[in-house]
Amino acid sequence: MKVEVCENCGAEIGQLERTFIYENHIICAKCYIKMKGETTTNEVKKPGKVTAIGGMRLGAGICNIIAGIIFCWLLLPIVMIPLGIVEIISASNLLKAQPRRPYGLKTIAVLEIVAIITMAGWISVVVGILTLVFLADPRVTNYVASLLPEQS
């Protein structure tokens, strides 16, 4: 289990404690309050791009499952069904009011782009490219990093 360390004061940040990103540095709640002058009770507002990623991924997942079922006689598009399931699970986390830190956002985006080889995954290609573009936004990166990790 990886323990985070505050890059400001050097204190260990427990596994159940929330980490904060301040100017691309991982810091603890105590330092965050000092540096930003905000209280930890104010939740970081979810950027619209995170909701957009979730919505697009949900739509792509539904389309991939339908395409996998319709074109299953071609054999290759049948791999779209598992991708669709993974997209829907990822989207359901991103669309929650209090999401957990999602792992594999970039990995799923790359899989969506690679789905072009099935000739049925055109929607996923667009969603994958837009996801990578949205994930490059510092507000999205900071928001995702500030979320509590998923429990295994």
C-alpha atoms as a PDB file:
ATOM      1  CA  MET A   1       0.000   0.000   0.000  1.00  0.00           C
ATOM      2  CA  LYS A   2       1.399   3.294  -1.128  1.00  0.00           C
ATOM      3  CA  VAL A   3       1.569   6.060   1.474  1.00  0.00           C
ATOM      4  CA  GLU A   4       1.542   9.617   0.166  1.00  0.00           C
ATOM      5  CA  VAL A   5       3.821  12.246   1.712  1.00  0.00           C
ATOM      6  CA  CYS A   6       3.013  15.948   1.825  1.00  0.00           C
ATOM      7  CA  GLU A   7       5.513  17.749  -0.372  1.00  0.00           C
ATOM      8  CA  ASN A   8       5.238  20.858   1.808  1.00  0.00           C
ATOM      9  CA  CYS A   9       5.599  19.695   5.409  1.00  0.00           C
ATOM     10  CA  GLY A  10       6.730  16.092   4.891  1.00  0.00           C
ATOM     11  CA  ALA A  11       3.843  14.611   6.894  1.00  0.00           C
ATOM     12  CA  GLU A  12       2.476  11.227   5.882  1.00  0.00           C
ATOM     13  CA  ILE A  13      -0.993  11.343   4.371  1.00  0.00           C
ATOM     14  CA  GLY A  14      -2.947   8.324   5.562  1.00  0.00           C
ATOM     15  CA  GLN A  15      -4.698   5.993   3.162  1.00  0.00           C
ATOM     16  CA  LEU A  16      -8.125   7.232   4.252  1.00  0.00           C
ATOM     17  CA  GLU A  17      -7.110  10.899   4.277  1.00  0.00           C
ATOM     18  CA  ARG A  18      -7.728  13.122   1.309  1.00  0.00           C
ATOM     19  CA  THR A  19      -4.772  14.403  -0.696  1.00  0.00           C
ATOM     20  CA  PHE A  20      -4.816  17.818  -2.312  1.00  0.00           C
ATOM     21  CA  ILE A  21      -3.002  19.157  -5.361  1.00  0.00           C
ATOM     22  CA  TYR A  22      -1.572  22.652  -5.070  1.00  0.00           C
ATOM     23  CA  GLU A  23       0.431  23.941  -8.032  1.00  0.00           C
ATOM     24  CA  ASN A  24       1.124  20.340  -9.127  1.00  0.00           C
ATOM     25  CA  HIS A  25       2.354  19.252  -5.672  1.00  0.00           C
ATOM     26  CA  ILE A  26       0.679  16.694  -3.426  1.00  0.00           C
ATOM     27  CA  ILE A  27      -0.049  18.255  -0.049  1.00  0.00           C
ATOM     28  CA  CYS A  28      -1.984  17.381   3.111  1.00  0.00           C
ATOM     29  CA  ALA A  29      -5.224  19.030   4.244  1.00  0.00           C
ATOM     30  CA  LYS A  30      -3.440  21.143   6.863  1.00  0.00           C
ATOM     31  CA  CYS A  31      -1.075  22.656   4.279  1.00  0.00           C
ATOM     32  CA  TYR A  32      -3.923  23.056   1.799  1.00  0.00           C
ATOM     33  CA  ILE A  33      -5.836  25.178   4.303  1.00  0.00           C
ATOM     34  CA  LYS A  34      -2.760  27.326   4.893  1.00  0.00           C
ATOM     35  CA  MET A  35      -1.941  27.778   1.209  1.00  0.00           C
ATOM     36  CA  LYS A  36      -5.426  28.245  -0.214  1.00  0.00           C
ATOM     37  CA  GLY A  37      -7.205  29.719   2.783  1.00  0.00           C
ATOM     38  CA  GLU A  38     -10.112  27.338   2.181  1.00  0.00           C
ATOM     39  CA  THR A  39     -11.723  24.819   4.479  1.00  0.00           C
ATOM     40  CA  THR A  40     -11.718  21.137   3.672  1.00  0.00           C
ATOM     41  CA  THR A  41     -15.491  21.026   4.054  1.00  0.00           C
ATOM     42  CA  ASN A  42     -15.823  22.792   0.692  1.00  0.00           C
ATOM     43  CA  GLU A  43     -15.748  20.056  -1.880  1.00  0.00           C
ATOM     44  CA  VAL A  44     -13.765  20.622  -5.043  1.00  0.00           C
ATOM     45  CA  LYS A  45     -16.310  21.395  -7.745  1.00  0.00           C
ATOM     46  CA  LYS A  46     -16.506  18.772 -10.465  1.00  0.00           C
ATOM     47  CA  PRO A  47     -15.385  20.258 -13.797  1.00  0.00           C
ATOM     48  CA  GLY A  48     -17.881  19.968 -16.631  1.00  0.00           C
ATOM     49  CA  LYS A  49     -15.320  18.028 -18.646  1.00  0.00           C
ATOM     50  CA  VAL A  50     -15.398  15.192 -16.080  1.00  0.00           C
ATOM     51  CA  THR A  51     -19.175  14.949 -16.469  1.00  0.00           C
ATOM     52  CA  ALA A  52     -18.720  15.112 -20.249  1.00  0.00           C
ATOM     53  CA  ILE A  53     -16.230  12.215 -20.136  1.00  0.00           C
ATOM     54  CA  GLY A  54     -18.704  10.198 -18.069  1.00  0.00           C
ATOM     55  CA  GLY A  55     -21.634  10.952 -20.372  1.00  0.00           C
ATOM     56  CA  MET A  56     -19.714  10.250 -23.553  1.00  0.00           C
ATOM     57  CA  ARG A  57     -18.294   7.054 -22.088  1.00  0.00           C
ATOM     58  CA  LEU A  58     -21.773   5.886 -21.055  1.00  0.00           C
ATOM     59  CA  GLY A  59     -23.118   6.502 -24.565  1.00  0.00           C
ATOM     60  CA  ALA A  60     -20.134   4.793 -26.181  1.00  0.00           C
ATOM     61  CA  GLY A  61     -20.510   1.813 -23.866  1.00  0.00           C
ATOM     62  CA  ILE A  62     -24.156   1.340 -24.786  1.00  0.00           C
ATOM     63  CA  CYS A  63     -23.353   1.703 -28.502  1.00  0.00           C
ATOM     64  CA  ASN A  64     -20.470  -0.778 -28.245  1.00  0.00           C
ATOM     65  CA  ILE A  65     -22.618  -3.420 -26.575  1.00  0.00           C
ATOM     66  CA  ILE A  66     -25.325  -2.986 -29.208  1.00  0.00           C
ATOM     67  CA  ALA A  67     -22.747  -3.075 -32.049  1.00  0.00           C
ATOM     68  CA  GLY A  68     -21.113  -6.157 -30.546  1.00  0.00           C
ATOM     69  CA  ILE A  69     -24.465  -7.955 -30.429  1.00  0.00           C
ATOM     70  CA  ILE A  70     -25.601  -6.867 -33.900  1.00  0.00           C
ATOM     71  CA  PHE A  71     -22.301  -7.570 -35.665  1.00  0.00           C
ATOM     72  CA  CYS A  72     -21.266 -10.640 -33.648  1.00  0.00           C
ATOM     73  CA  TRP A  73     -21.515 -12.793 -36.787  1.00  0.00           C
ATOM     74  CA  LEU A  74     -18.355 -10.996 -38.021  1.00  0.00           C
ATOM     75  CA  LEU A  75     -16.516 -12.240 -34.891  1.00  0.00           C
ATOM     76  CA  LEU A  76     -14.201  -9.228 -34.498  1.00  0.00           C
ATOM     77  CA  PRO A  77     -16.839  -6.776 -33.179  1.00  0.00           C
ATOM     78  CA  ILE A  78     -17.662  -9.199 -30.367  1.00  0.00           C
ATOM     79  CA  VAL A  79     -14.735  -7.646 -28.439  1.00  0.00           C
ATOM     80  CA  MET A  80     -16.825  -4.469 -28.332  1.00  0.00           C
ATOM     81  CA  ILE A  81     -19.082  -6.011 -25.677  1.00  0.00           C
ATOM     82  CA  PRO A  82     -16.400  -6.200 -22.938  1.00  0.00           C
ATOM     83  CA  LEU A  83     -15.187  -2.702 -23.859  1.00  0.00           C
ATOM     84  CA  GLY A  84     -18.763  -1.442 -23.598  1.00  0.00           C
ATOM     85  CA  ILE A  85     -19.132  -2.994 -20.154  1.00  0.00           C
ATOM     86  CA  VAL A  86     -15.893  -1.387 -18.941  1.00  0.00           C
ATOM     87  CA  GLU A  87     -17.000   1.979 -20.367  1.00  0.00           C
ATOM     88  CA  ILE A  88     -20.357   1.812 -18.583  1.00  0.00           C
ATOM     89  CA  ILE A  89     -18.735   0.895 -15.245  1.00  0.00           C
ATOM     90  CA  SER A  90     -16.222   3.737 -15.600  1.00  0.00           C
ATOM     91  CA  ALA A  91     -18.977   6.188 -16.600  1.00  0.00           C
ATOM     92  CA  SER A  92     -21.169   5.224 -13.664  1.00  0.00           C
ATOM     93  CA  ASN A  93     -18.325   6.164 -11.297  1.00  0.00           C
ATOM     94  CA  LEU A  94     -17.606   9.477 -13.024  1.00  0.00           C
ATOM     95  CA  LEU A  95     -21.266  10.512 -13.026  1.00  0.00           C
ATOM     96  CA  LYS A  96     -21.777   9.951  -9.283  1.00  0.00           C
ATOM     97  CA  ALA A  97     -22.172  12.979  -7.020  1.00  0.00           C
ATOM     98  CA  GLN A  98     -19.215  11.758  -4.914  1.00  0.00           C
ATOM     99  CA  PRO A  99     -17.072   9.683  -7.291  1.00  0.00           C
ATOM    100  CA  ARG A 100     -14.021   7.697  -6.232  1.00  0.00           C
ATOM    101  CA  ARG A 101     -10.658   8.281  -7.871  1.00  0.00           C
ATOM    102  CA  PRO A 102     -10.972   6.400 -11.160  1.00  0.00           C
ATOM    103  CA  TYR A 103      -8.032   4.345 -12.295  1.00  0.00           C
ATOM    104  CA  GLY A 104      -7.426   3.558 -15.927  1.00  0.00           C
ATOM    105  CA  LEU A 105      -9.013   6.649 -17.452  1.00  0.00           C
ATOM    106  CA  LYS A 106      -6.222   6.946 -20.013  1.00  0.00           C
ATOM    107  CA  THR A 107      -6.019   3.179 -20.524  1.00  0.00           C
ATOM    108  CA  ILE A 108      -9.714   2.964 -21.358  1.00  0.00           C
ATOM    109  CA  ALA A 109      -9.351   5.984 -23.683  1.00  0.00           C
ATOM    110  CA  VAL A 110      -6.547   4.225 -25.569  1.00  0.00           C
ATOM    111  CA  LEU A 111      -8.650   1.040 -25.809  1.00  0.00           C
ATOM    112  CA  GLU A 112     -11.491   3.130 -27.210  1.00  0.00           C
ATOM    113  CA  ILE A 113      -9.168   4.488 -29.901  1.00  0.00           C
ATOM    114  CA  VAL A 114      -7.814   1.018 -30.699  1.00  0.00           C
ATOM    115  CA  ALA A 115     -11.442  -0.152 -31.147  1.00  0.00           C
ATOM    116  CA  ILE A 116     -11.224   1.243 -34.691  1.00  0.00           C
ATOM    117  CA  ILE A 117      -9.835  -2.133 -35.802  1.00  0.00           C
ATOM    118  CA  THR A 118     -13.280  -3.668 -35.270  1.00  0.00           C
ATOM    119  CA  MET A 119     -14.791  -1.316 -37.864  1.00  0.00           C
ATOM    120  CA  ALA A 120     -17.758  -0.947 -35.479  1.00  0.00           C
ATOM    121  CA  GLY A 121     -16.130   1.296 -32.891  1.00  0.00           C
ATOM    122  CA  TRP A 122     -16.253   4.709 -34.520  1.00  0.00           C
ATOM    123  CA  ILE A 123     -18.033   6.343 -31.598  1.00  0.00           C
ATOM    124  CA  SER A 124     -15.446   4.962 -29.188  1.00  0.00           C
ATOM    125  CA  VAL A 125     -12.626   6.472 -31.240  1.00  0.00           C
ATOM    126  CA  VAL A 126     -14.112   9.941 -30.917  1.00  0.00           C
ATOM    127  CA  VAL A 127     -14.807   9.441 -27.202  1.00  0.00           C
ATOM    128  CA  GLY A 128     -11.262   8.156 -26.631  1.00  0.00           C
ATOM    129  CA  ILE A 129      -9.670  11.140 -28.360  1.00  0.00           C
ATOM    130  CA  LEU A 130     -11.896  13.645 -26.534  1.00  0.00           C
ATOM    131  CA  THR A 131     -11.175  11.914 -23.219  1.00  0.00           C
ATOM    132  CA  LEU A 132      -7.423  12.256 -23.725  1.00  0.00           C
ATOM    133  CA  VAL A 133      -7.850  15.920 -24.660  1.00  0.00           C
ATOM    134  CA  PHE A 134     -10.055  16.596 -21.603  1.00  0.00           C
ATOM    135  CA  LEU A 135      -7.650  14.739 -19.285  1.00  0.00           C
ATOM    136  CA  ALA A 136      -4.883  17.129 -20.357  1.00  0.00           C
ATOM    137  CA  ASP A 137      -6.772  20.016 -18.723  1.00  0.00           C
ATOM    138  CA  PRO A 138      -5.119  20.867 -15.350  1.00  0.00           C
ATOM    139  CA  ARG A 139      -8.515  21.417 -13.690  1.00  0.00           C
ATOM    140  CA  VAL A 140      -9.578  17.880 -14.612  1.00  0.00           C
ATOM    141  CA  THR A 141      -6.222  16.446 -13.500  1.00  0.00           C
ATOM    142  CA  ASN A 142      -6.393  18.251 -10.158  1.00  0.00           C
ATOM    143  CA  TYR A 143      -9.990  17.172  -9.596  1.00  0.00           C
ATOM    144  CA  VAL A 144      -9.254  13.514 -10.326  1.00  0.00           C
ATOM    145  CA  ALA A 145      -6.172  13.610  -8.089  1.00  0.00           C
ATOM    146  CA  SER A 146      -8.203  15.118  -5.233  1.00  0.00           C
ATOM    147  CA  LEU A 147     -10.740  12.276  -5.188  1.00  0.00           C
ATOM    148  CA  LEU A 148     -10.573   9.518  -2.613  1.00  0.00           C
ATOM    149  CA  PRO A 149      -9.080   6.310  -4.050  1.00  0.00           C
ATOM    150  CA  GLU A 150     -11.257   3.349  -4.996  1.00  0.00           C
ATOM    151  CA  GLN A 151     -11.473   0.665  -2.346  1.00  0.00           C
ATOM    152  CA  SER A 152     -10.135  -2.699  -3.440  1.00  0.00           C
END
